[in-house]
Amino acid sequence: MALSNPALFVTLILCVVVFASIEAAKEKKKSTKIVQTSSASAPSAGWFGGSQASPGDDAIRTSCEEVEDFVVNVRRDLHRFPELMYKETKTSAYIQSKLKELDVNFSPGWAVNTKTDRITGPGGTGIVATIGTGTSPVVLLRADIDALPIHEEVESDIKSQTDGQMHACGHDGHTAMLLGAAKVLKVLEASGKIKGTVKLMFQPAEEGGAGGKRMVEEGVLEDEPKVDMAFGIHLWPALPSGTVGGKPGVVLAACDRFEIMISGVGGHAAMPHLVVDPIVAQSALVSSLQTIVSRKLSPLESGVVSVTKIEGGSAFNVIPGAVTLWGTVRSLSTESLQKLIKSVEDISTGIAQTHGCNATVRWSPDYYPPTMNDDDLWFGLGEKVASKVAANGEVTPTNPTMGAEDFGFIAQSVPSNFYLLGQSSEKMKTDWNLHHPKFTMDETVLKRGVELHVRSALEGLAMLAKNKKSEF
């Protein structure tokens, strides 16, 4: 019919051409559409909207690589002479001497121990240094400086010179990386490239003493100029060297530690019917505590209850009058942590009474909140900075860990990001877990930690300045 009607034939041809043009335009639009491939929730617009760019990316990396020898030597100095929480006097003096060499302004005397009835050591070993204009905006970079009561089992020329004390959690590396960042940032300050202020927080007593909380209470975040955002780093043996891990939301767990004393009536081991045996009670208690997570928490909640130390008795033929247990409870939320705490108290009391004993439960002066990466800050800045620093050019997604971190006190107060810096080397065994007597550091990653600090500071200040301008 179309062939017998030329006008109709022409009309049909035109329709086909128009239809084909429309479909081609749709396909072009579809091919340029940005597709969200991440299973994580997309960043909200918030006040972190828009990507930033650090001035002179190549120059930043070069500057961070140039301070590598300085950073490694600092780390080795600190490793030889570890000090426990609230007693880091030599460590603090060493850090201050390095800041003076770098001509960086600082104030000592932070983190005075206000819990001396429970934790030994005077504190006051914390330091806050500042680089930049001394005005807003303000980015805080943090490192911890204390060691652990662990006997080092690594034979090297930098082995701990203090028996029974060791930097087994990488705090010597954390401190060295922040001092390296200070060296780089001080040069940038002289050239006018720091548009705002960078606060450097060297905090004592991370290992259970809540030194970070003491510094928050003393005003490290609120003192003028006030801190707008904060960043921290932890060396991470579970990740390969050269990688940078992290995620939005919960990174590390909330934690509290307990001390349970079970009191009975002691006596001769040959006459157990004349005593009230706390040993039997504690045995039942240890087993019962392991049911808390499986029966008191929802299967959708995460929790850990660990008994780590037991003391009682002094002779093979004497039933003691008391036994003491120590341990920790951990969860990924403060709410779940409170459930664990209540369950430990209830079960301890019940088991002790069942065996004719009494139970006294004490907790640490300060439980640690979960360490949270602010979603907007992570998507707007942290993820990009981590990708730039990582050898593979991308951030390594990580699952939350039940380890706890003093940085949580900062993260609950200001928007914060906490990076996990991989340090498991293929060339030497550096994958011993944190708090292990054979923990060994891959020093080649320290310069990456310096770069993480420097880029976070510069991009953070740029982001804050941009968003402040956009408010008007």
Protein backbone atom coordinates (compact mmCIF):
# COMPACT_ATOMS: atom_id res chain seq x y z
CA MET A 1 0.00 0.00 0.00
CA ALA A 2 2.90 2.37 0.75
CA LEU A 3 4.30 1.88 -2.73
CA SER A 4 1.01 2.91 -4.31
CA ASN A 5 0.81 6.07 -2.16
CA PRO A 6 4.07 8.15 -2.43
CA ALA A 7 2.96 10.75 0.19
CA LEU A 8 2.24 8.09 2.77
CA PHE A 9 5.54 6.36 2.01
CA VAL A 10 7.51 9.61 2.62
CA THR A 11 5.64 10.18 5.90
CA LEU A 12 6.51 6.70 7.15
CA ILE A 13 10.18 7.20 6.30
CA LEU A 14 10.26 10.49 8.25
CA CYS A 15 8.66 8.81 11.29
CA VAL A 16 11.29 6.07 11.23
CA VAL A 17 14.12 8.64 11.07
CA VAL A 18 12.67 10.70 13.97
CA PHE A 19 12.11 7.60 16.12
CA ALA A 20 15.69 6.43 15.48
CA SER A 21 17.06 9.86 16.48
CA ILE A 22 15.09 9.82 19.74
CA GLU A 23 16.34 6.34 20.66
CA ALA A 24 19.94 7.30 19.87
CA ALA A 25 19.67 10.32 22.19
CA LYS A 26 18.30 8.10 24.97
CA GLU A 27 21.19 5.66 24.60
CA LYS A 28 23.73 8.48 24.72
CA LYS A 29 22.18 9.86 27.90
CA LYS A 30 22.14 6.40 29.47
CA SER A 31 25.81 5.83 28.67
CA THR A 32 26.85 9.05 30.46
CA LYS A 33 24.72 8.49 33.53
CA ILE A 34 26.73 8.04 36.76
CA VAL A 35 25.89 4.71 38.34
CA GLN A 36 26.21 4.17 42.12
CA THR A 37 28.04 0.85 42.42
CA SER A 38 28.92 0.95 46.11
CA SER A 39 26.73 -0.93 48.54
CA ALA A 40 27.42 1.78 51.13
CA SER A 41 24.99 4.60 51.48
CA ALA A 42 25.80 7.63 49.36
CA PRO A 43 27.08 10.73 51.14
CA SER A 44 24.53 13.32 52.12
CA ALA A 45 24.99 16.84 50.83
CA GLY A 46 25.75 18.14 54.32
CA TRP A 47 28.44 20.75 54.87
CA PHE A 48 31.09 18.39 53.46
CA GLY A 49 29.71 18.65 49.94
CA GLY A 50 32.14 18.90 47.06
CA SER A 51 35.59 17.44 46.52
CA GLN A 52 38.73 19.34 47.34
CA ALA A 53 42.24 19.23 45.96
CA SER A 54 45.43 19.56 47.96
CA PRO A 55 47.77 22.20 46.53
CA GLY A 56 50.69 20.59 44.72
CA ASP A 57 49.96 16.87 45.07
CA ASP A 58 53.35 15.81 43.71
CA ALA A 59 55.15 18.24 46.00
CA ILE A 60 53.27 16.88 49.03
CA ARG A 61 54.34 13.31 48.34
CA THR A 62 57.92 14.39 47.74
CA SER A 63 57.98 16.37 50.99
CA CYS A 64 56.65 13.39 52.94
CA GLU A 65 59.21 11.06 51.41
CA GLU A 66 62.00 13.49 52.26
CA VAL A 67 61.27 13.25 56.00
CA GLU A 68 61.39 9.43 56.00
CA ASP A 69 64.81 9.18 57.67
CA PHE A 70 63.74 11.65 60.34
CA VAL A 71 60.56 9.68 61.05
CA VAL A 72 62.28 6.28 61.17
CA ASN A 73 64.97 7.56 63.55
CA VAL A 74 62.34 9.09 65.85
CA ARG A 75 60.42 5.84 65.89
CA ARG A 76 63.54 3.87 66.81
CA ASP A 77 64.45 6.29 69.61
CA LEU A 78 60.99 5.96 71.09
CA HIS A 79 60.93 2.19 70.72
CA ARG A 80 64.05 1.73 72.83
CA PHE A 81 62.58 3.56 75.81
CA PRO A 82 58.86 2.76 76.18
CA GLU A 83 56.83 4.15 79.09
CA LEU A 84 53.47 3.11 80.50
CA MET A 85 50.33 5.23 80.64
CA TYR A 86 50.45 8.45 82.66
CA LYS A 87 54.19 7.92 83.23
CA GLU A 88 55.49 8.98 79.80
CA THR A 89 57.78 11.72 81.14
CA LYS A 90 60.85 10.93 79.01
CA THR A 91 58.68 10.33 75.95
CA SER A 92 56.95 13.68 76.43
CA ALA A 93 60.28 15.47 76.91
CA TYR A 94 61.62 13.85 73.74
CA ILE A 95 58.58 14.97 71.70
CA GLN A 96 58.93 18.50 73.07
CA SER A 97 62.61 18.57 72.09
CA LYS A 98 61.73 17.61 68.52
CA LEU A 99 59.00 20.25 68.32
CA LYS A 100 61.51 22.86 69.50
CA GLU A 101 63.95 21.74 66.80
CA LEU A 102 61.18 22.21 64.23
CA ASP A 103 60.27 25.62 65.69
CA VAL A 104 56.68 24.47 66.31
CA ASN A 105 54.67 26.17 69.04
CA PHE A 106 53.27 23.83 71.68
CA SER A 107 51.84 23.65 75.18
CA PRO A 108 52.79 20.76 77.52
CA GLY A 109 51.11 19.49 80.69
CA TRP A 110 47.95 18.02 79.16
CA ALA A 111 46.07 14.90 80.32
CA VAL A 112 46.53 15.13 84.07
CA ASN A 113 45.40 11.85 85.64
CA THR A 114 42.20 12.55 87.58
CA LYS A 115 41.64 8.88 88.44
CA THR A 116 44.70 8.23 90.61
CA ASP A 117 42.61 6.15 93.02
CA ARG A 118 42.27 3.57 90.24
CA ILE A 119 45.15 4.23 87.83
CA THR A 120 48.74 4.97 88.84
CA GLY A 121 50.81 7.80 87.38
CA PRO A 122 50.42 11.56 87.54
CA GLY A 123 49.84 12.21 83.84
CA GLY A 124 50.35 15.70 82.51
CA THR A 125 52.49 14.25 79.72
CA GLY A 126 50.20 15.27 76.86
CA ILE A 127 51.20 17.93 74.34
CA VAL A 128 49.23 20.15 71.96
CA ALA A 129 51.15 21.84 69.15
CA THR A 130 49.82 24.31 66.58
CA ILE A 131 50.90 25.13 63.04
CA GLY A 132 49.29 27.71 60.76
CA THR A 133 47.52 31.02 61.21
CA GLY A 134 46.25 30.42 64.74
CA THR A 135 42.72 31.12 63.53
CA SER A 136 39.78 29.10 62.23
CA PRO A 137 39.22 26.76 60.49
CA VAL A 138 40.97 24.10 62.59
CA VAL A 139 41.88 20.48 61.87
CA LEU A 140 43.24 18.24 64.64
CA LEU A 141 45.72 15.40 64.03
CA ARG A 142 46.25 12.95 66.88
CA ALA A 143 48.85 10.40 67.98
CA ASP A 144 49.14 8.28 71.13
CA ILE A 145 52.45 7.97 73.00
CA ASP A 146 52.17 5.25 75.70
CA ALA A 147 53.49 1.67 75.67
CA LEU A 148 52.29 -1.63 77.15
CA PRO A 149 53.39 -3.83 80.08
CA ILE A 150 54.69 -6.55 77.73
CA HIS A 151 58.17 -8.10 77.62
CA GLU A 152 59.52 -7.72 74.08
CA GLU A 153 60.57 -10.97 72.37
CA VAL A 154 62.08 -9.40 69.25
CA GLU A 155 65.88 -9.34 69.19
CA SER A 156 67.12 -6.19 67.45
CA ASP A 157 69.36 -3.21 68.05
CA ILE A 158 66.31 -1.14 68.95
CA LYS A 159 64.82 -3.63 71.41
CA SER A 160 63.16 -2.13 74.47
CA GLN A 161 65.70 -1.19 77.12
CA THR A 162 63.04 -1.41 79.83
CA ASP A 163 62.26 -4.95 80.89
CA GLY A 164 58.56 -5.74 80.88
CA GLN A 165 57.60 -2.69 78.82
CA MET A 166 57.21 -2.50 75.04
CA HIS A 167 55.73 -0.48 72.22
CA ALA A 168 53.63 -3.44 71.06
CA CYS A 169 50.79 -1.40 69.57
CA GLY A 170 52.67 0.89 67.22
CA HIS A 171 52.34 4.07 69.27
CA ASP A 172 56.02 4.83 68.68
CA GLY A 173 55.24 4.81 64.95
CA HIS A 174 52.12 6.92 65.43
CA THR A 175 54.11 9.56 67.32
CA ALA A 176 56.91 9.51 64.76
CA MET A 177 54.46 9.95 61.87
CA LEU A 178 52.84 12.96 63.53
CA LEU A 179 56.21 14.56 64.18
CA GLY A 180 57.05 13.93 60.53
CA ALA A 181 53.81 15.64 59.54
CA ALA A 182 54.78 18.57 61.78
CA LYS A 183 58.06 18.87 59.89
CA VAL A 184 56.27 18.95 56.51
CA LEU A 185 53.48 21.26 57.67
CA LYS A 186 55.95 23.71 59.19
CA VAL A 187 57.55 24.16 55.76
CA LEU A 188 54.11 24.68 54.19
CA GLU A 189 53.31 27.23 56.90
CA ALA A 190 56.38 29.24 55.97
CA SER A 191 55.24 29.35 52.35
CA GLY A 192 51.74 30.48 53.33
CA LYS A 193 49.98 27.31 52.17
CA ILE A 194 48.16 26.55 55.42
CA LYS A 195 44.90 28.49 55.41
CA GLY A 196 43.87 27.97 59.01
CA THR A 197 45.29 26.03 61.95
CA VAL A 198 46.46 22.46 62.42
CA LYS A 199 46.45 21.21 66.01
CA LEU A 200 48.77 18.29 66.76
CA MET A 201 47.57 16.24 69.75
CA PHE A 202 50.08 13.91 71.42
CA GLN A 203 48.05 12.04 74.01
CA PRO A 204 49.16 9.70 76.79
CA ALA A 205 47.34 6.77 78.37
CA GLU A 206 45.51 5.40 75.34
CA GLU A 207 45.91 1.85 76.63
CA GLY A 208 43.00 1.95 79.07
CA GLY A 209 43.70 5.23 80.84
CA ALA A 210 41.42 7.42 78.72
CA GLY A 211 44.11 10.04 78.23
CA GLY A 212 42.22 11.32 75.20
CA LYS A 213 39.13 11.91 77.33
CA ARG A 214 41.21 13.83 79.88
CA MET A 215 42.45 16.12 77.10
CA VAL A 216 38.92 16.62 75.77
CA GLU A 217 37.81 17.53 79.30
CA GLU A 218 40.72 19.98 79.54
CA GLY A 219 39.59 21.76 76.37
CA VAL A 220 41.72 20.45 73.51
CA LEU A 221 38.71 20.66 71.18
CA GLU A 222 37.01 23.75 72.63
CA ASP A 223 39.97 26.05 73.32
CA GLU A 224 40.15 28.84 70.74
CA PRO A 225 40.44 28.34 67.92
CA LYS A 226 37.97 25.46 68.24
CA VAL A 227 38.57 22.18 66.40
CA ASP A 228 36.26 21.61 63.42
CA MET A 229 37.33 18.09 62.43
CA ALA A 230 39.86 15.47 63.52
CA PHE A 231 41.92 12.62 62.05
CA GLY A 232 43.80 9.68 63.52
CA ILE A 233 45.84 6.72 62.23
CA HIS A 234 46.57 3.24 63.54
CA LEU A 235 49.17 0.89 62.10
CA TRP A 236 47.35 -2.33 61.16
CA PRO A 237 49.16 -5.70 60.83
CA ALA A 238 46.06 -7.35 59.34
CA LEU A 239 46.40 -5.28 56.13
CA PRO A 240 49.25 -5.49 53.58
CA SER A 241 51.88 -2.78 53.63
CA GLY A 242 51.01 0.05 51.29
CA THR A 243 47.25 -0.24 51.82
CA VAL A 244 45.01 2.16 53.71
CA GLY A 245 41.84 0.75 55.23
CA GLY A 246 38.68 2.26 56.57
CA LYS A 247 34.94 2.61 56.23
CA PRO A 248 32.13 4.99 57.15
CA GLY A 249 30.44 4.39 60.51
CA VAL A 250 31.79 2.15 63.27
CA VAL A 251 35.47 1.27 62.91
CA LEU A 252 36.35 0.11 66.43
CA ALA A 253 34.26 -1.13 69.34
CA ALA A 254 33.02 0.31 72.59
CA CYS A 255 34.79 -1.31 75.53
CA ASP A 256 34.85 -1.54 79.31
CA ARG A 257 36.94 -3.68 81.64
CA PHE A 258 35.81 -5.44 84.78
CA GLU A 259 37.30 -6.67 88.03
CA ILE A 260 35.20 -9.26 89.89
CA MET A 261 36.13 -10.35 93.41
CA ILE A 262 34.38 -13.48 94.68
CA SER A 263 34.59 -13.73 98.48
CA GLY A 264 34.02 -16.95 100.43
CA VAL A 265 35.56 -18.60 103.46
CA GLY A 266 38.97 -20.18 103.10
CA GLY A 267 40.41 -23.19 104.88
CA HIS A 268 42.23 -26.49 104.61
CA ALA A 269 42.03 -28.26 101.24
CA ALA A 270 41.37 -31.54 103.10
CA MET A 271 38.20 -30.14 104.67
CA PRO A 272 36.20 -28.46 101.87
CA HIS A 273 32.96 -29.00 103.82
CA LEU A 274 34.16 -26.43 106.34
CA VAL A 275 34.84 -23.68 103.78
CA VAL A 276 32.88 -21.63 101.25
CA ASP A 277 34.99 -22.24 98.16
CA PRO A 278 35.40 -19.20 95.84
CA ILE A 279 37.46 -21.29 93.40
CA VAL A 280 34.44 -23.40 92.49
CA ALA A 281 32.29 -20.27 92.23
CA GLN A 282 34.73 -18.55 89.87
CA SER A 283 34.93 -21.67 87.69
CA ALA A 284 31.17 -21.63 87.26
CA LEU A 285 31.22 -17.89 86.69
CA VAL A 286 33.78 -18.03 83.85
CA SER A 287 31.64 -20.57 82.00
CA SER A 288 28.42 -18.64 82.60
CA LEU A 289 29.88 -15.36 81.37
CA GLN A 290 30.38 -16.98 77.97
CA THR A 291 26.61 -17.37 77.58
CA ILE A 292 25.97 -13.62 77.72
CA VAL A 293 26.63 -12.88 74.05
CA SER A 294 24.64 -15.89 72.81
CA ARG A 295 21.68 -15.43 75.16
CA LYS A 296 21.54 -11.79 76.21
CA LEU A 297 22.29 -10.01 72.90
CA SER A 298 20.28 -10.21 69.72
CA PRO A 299 21.92 -12.37 67.03
CA LEU A 300 22.06 -9.14 65.00
CA GLU A 301 24.19 -7.43 67.66
CA SER A 302 27.91 -8.01 68.16
CA GLY A 303 29.59 -8.50 71.50
CA VAL A 304 32.57 -10.06 73.25
CA VAL A 305 33.05 -11.03 76.91
CA SER A 306 36.60 -12.15 77.73
CA VAL A 307 38.07 -13.23 81.06
CA THR A 308 41.78 -12.51 80.79
CA LYS A 309 43.25 -12.86 84.26
CA ILE A 310 42.47 -14.88 87.42
CA GLU A 311 44.20 -14.63 90.80
CA GLY A 312 43.50 -16.66 93.92
CA GLY A 313 45.28 -18.88 96.40
CA SER A 314 48.82 -19.10 97.69
CA ALA A 315 49.41 -22.78 98.45
CA PHE A 316 48.44 -26.18 97.05
CA ASN A 317 46.72 -27.25 100.27
CA VAL A 318 44.81 -24.07 101.13
CA ILE A 319 41.44 -23.04 99.75
CA PRO A 320 41.60 -19.25 99.51
CA GLY A 321 39.07 -16.88 100.96
CA ALA A 322 38.74 -14.86 97.74
CA VAL A 323 39.40 -15.05 94.02
CA THR A 324 39.59 -12.12 91.60
CA LEU A 325 38.86 -12.15 87.86
CA TRP A 326 39.64 -9.47 85.29
CA GLY A 327 38.43 -9.09 81.73
CA THR A 328 36.69 -6.93 79.15
CA VAL A 329 33.32 -6.51 77.48
CA ARG A 330 33.10 -5.10 73.96
CA SER A 331 30.39 -4.20 71.49
CA LEU A 332 29.85 -2.08 68.39
CA SER A 333 27.43 0.28 70.14
CA THR A 334 27.19 1.94 73.53
CA GLU A 335 23.69 0.51 73.98
CA SER A 336 24.88 -3.07 73.52
CA LEU A 337 27.84 -2.40 75.80
CA GLN A 338 25.46 -1.35 78.59
CA LYS A 339 23.54 -4.61 78.13
CA LEU A 340 26.77 -6.57 78.51
CA ILE A 341 27.73 -4.62 81.63
CA LYS A 342 24.39 -5.31 83.30
CA SER A 343 24.53 -8.99 82.39
CA VAL A 344 28.03 -9.39 83.85
CA GLU A 345 26.86 -7.84 87.10
CA ASP A 346 23.67 -9.92 87.31
CA ILE A 347 25.37 -13.24 86.51
CA SER A 348 28.28 -12.56 88.87
CA THR A 349 25.94 -11.83 91.74
CA GLY A 350 23.74 -14.83 90.98
CA ILE A 351 26.54 -17.37 90.59
CA ALA A 352 28.29 -16.15 93.74
CA GLN A 353 25.09 -16.42 95.79
CA THR A 354 24.39 -19.89 94.44
CA HIS A 355 27.74 -21.02 95.86
CA GLY A 356 27.30 -19.17 99.14
CA CYS A 357 29.77 -16.43 98.17
CA ASN A 358 29.60 -12.69 97.58
CA ALA A 359 30.59 -10.92 94.34
CA THR A 360 31.90 -7.38 94.02
CA VAL A 361 32.09 -6.02 90.45
CA ARG A 362 34.11 -2.93 89.57
CA TRP A 363 34.43 -1.29 86.17
CA SER A 364 37.04 1.05 84.71
CA PRO A 365 36.75 4.75 85.54
CA ASP A 366 35.93 5.48 81.88
CA TYR A 367 34.47 3.07 79.33
CA TYR A 368 35.55 3.69 75.74
CA PRO A 369 32.83 4.65 73.22
CA PRO A 370 32.92 3.16 69.71
CA THR A 371 35.21 4.92 67.27
CA MET A 372 33.04 6.28 64.46
CA ASN A 373 34.01 7.62 61.05
CA ASP A 374 31.65 10.46 60.20
CA ASP A 375 29.80 9.40 57.04
CA ASP A 376 29.87 12.78 55.31
CA LEU A 377 33.52 13.39 56.16
CA TRP A 378 34.51 9.90 55.03
CA PHE A 379 32.78 10.15 51.65
CA GLY A 380 33.72 13.80 51.14
CA LEU A 381 37.37 13.59 52.19
CA GLY A 382 38.65 10.49 53.98
CA GLU A 383 38.02 8.00 51.21
CA LYS A 384 39.72 10.21 48.66
CA VAL A 385 42.76 10.94 50.84
CA ALA A 386 43.17 7.24 51.65
CA SER A 387 43.01 6.40 47.94
CA LYS A 388 45.67 8.97 47.09
CA VAL A 389 48.05 7.65 49.73
CA ALA A 390 47.49 3.92 49.16
CA ALA A 391 49.90 2.18 46.80
CA ASN A 392 47.06 0.59 44.85
CA GLY A 393 45.24 3.89 44.47
CA GLU A 394 42.13 2.85 46.39
CA VAL A 395 40.90 2.55 49.95
CA THR A 396 40.65 -0.98 51.34
CA PRO A 397 37.19 -1.57 52.86
CA THR A 398 37.41 -3.01 56.37
CA ASN A 399 35.00 -4.63 58.79
CA PRO A 400 34.57 -3.20 62.28
CA THR A 401 36.95 -4.68 64.83
CA MET A 402 36.33 -5.39 68.51
CA GLY A 403 39.50 -3.54 69.43
CA ALA A 404 38.80 -0.24 71.19
CA GLU A 405 40.44 3.15 70.72
CA ASP A 406 40.78 6.29 72.81
CA PHE A 407 40.16 8.26 69.60
CA GLY A 408 36.48 7.44 70.16
CA PHE A 409 36.30 10.27 72.71
CA ILE A 410 37.31 12.72 69.98
CA ALA A 411 35.10 11.18 67.31
CA GLN A 412 32.00 11.51 69.49
CA SER A 413 32.66 15.24 69.86
CA VAL A 414 33.68 16.45 66.38
CA PRO A 415 33.41 14.95 62.86
CA SER A 416 36.35 12.58 62.55
CA ASN A 417 38.01 9.95 60.40
CA PHE A 418 40.27 7.15 61.61
CA TYR A 419 42.52 5.38 59.10
CA LEU A 420 44.01 1.88 59.33
CA LEU A 421 47.49 1.89 57.78
CA GLY A 422 48.52 -1.56 56.53
CA GLN A 423 51.94 -2.76 57.67
CA SER A 424 52.10 -6.49 56.88
CA SER A 425 55.20 -6.79 54.72
CA GLU A 426 56.03 -9.54 52.22
CA LYS A 427 59.75 -9.03 52.91
CA MET A 428 59.71 -9.65 56.67
CA LYS A 429 57.23 -10.94 59.25
CA THR A 430 55.37 -7.87 60.42
CA ASP A 431 51.92 -9.39 60.73
CA TRP A 432 52.15 -10.25 64.42
CA ASN A 433 48.96 -8.98 66.01
CA LEU A 434 48.80 -5.82 68.10
CA HIS A 435 49.78 -6.36 71.76
CA HIS A 436 51.89 -9.40 70.86
CA PRO A 437 55.42 -9.61 72.35
CA LYS A 438 56.77 -10.19 68.83
CA PHE A 439 54.99 -7.23 67.24
CA THR A 440 57.31 -5.79 64.60
CA MET A 441 56.88 -2.69 62.48
CA ASP A 442 57.36 -2.29 58.74
CA GLU A 443 59.05 1.10 58.86
CA THR A 444 58.64 1.63 55.10
CA VAL A 445 54.98 2.55 55.63
CA LEU A 446 55.71 5.41 58.02
CA LYS A 447 56.07 7.93 55.21
CA ARG A 448 52.57 6.99 54.04
CA GLY A 449 51.30 7.81 57.50
CA VAL A 450 52.95 11.22 57.28
CA GLU A 451 51.24 11.77 53.95
CA LEU A 452 47.87 10.71 55.38
CA HIS A 453 48.23 13.32 58.12
CA VAL A 454 49.40 16.09 55.80
CA ARG A 455 46.77 15.50 53.12
CA SER A 456 43.99 15.19 55.70
CA ALA A 457 45.03 18.50 57.25
CA LEU A 458 45.30 20.40 53.96
CA GLU A 459 42.15 18.96 52.40
CA GLY A 460 40.27 19.41 55.63
CA LEU A 461 41.19 23.10 55.86
CA ALA A 462 40.32 23.61 52.18
CA MET A 463 36.96 21.93 52.67
CA LEU A 464 36.16 23.95 55.78
CA ALA A 465 37.16 27.21 54.09
CA LYS A 466 35.04 26.46 51.03
CA ASN A 467 31.96 25.55 53.02
CA LYS A 468 32.34 28.57 55.28
CA LYS A 469 32.31 30.83 52.23
CA SER A 470 29.27 29.04 50.80
CA GLU A 471 27.26 29.89 53.92
CA PHE A 472 27.14 33.59 53.02
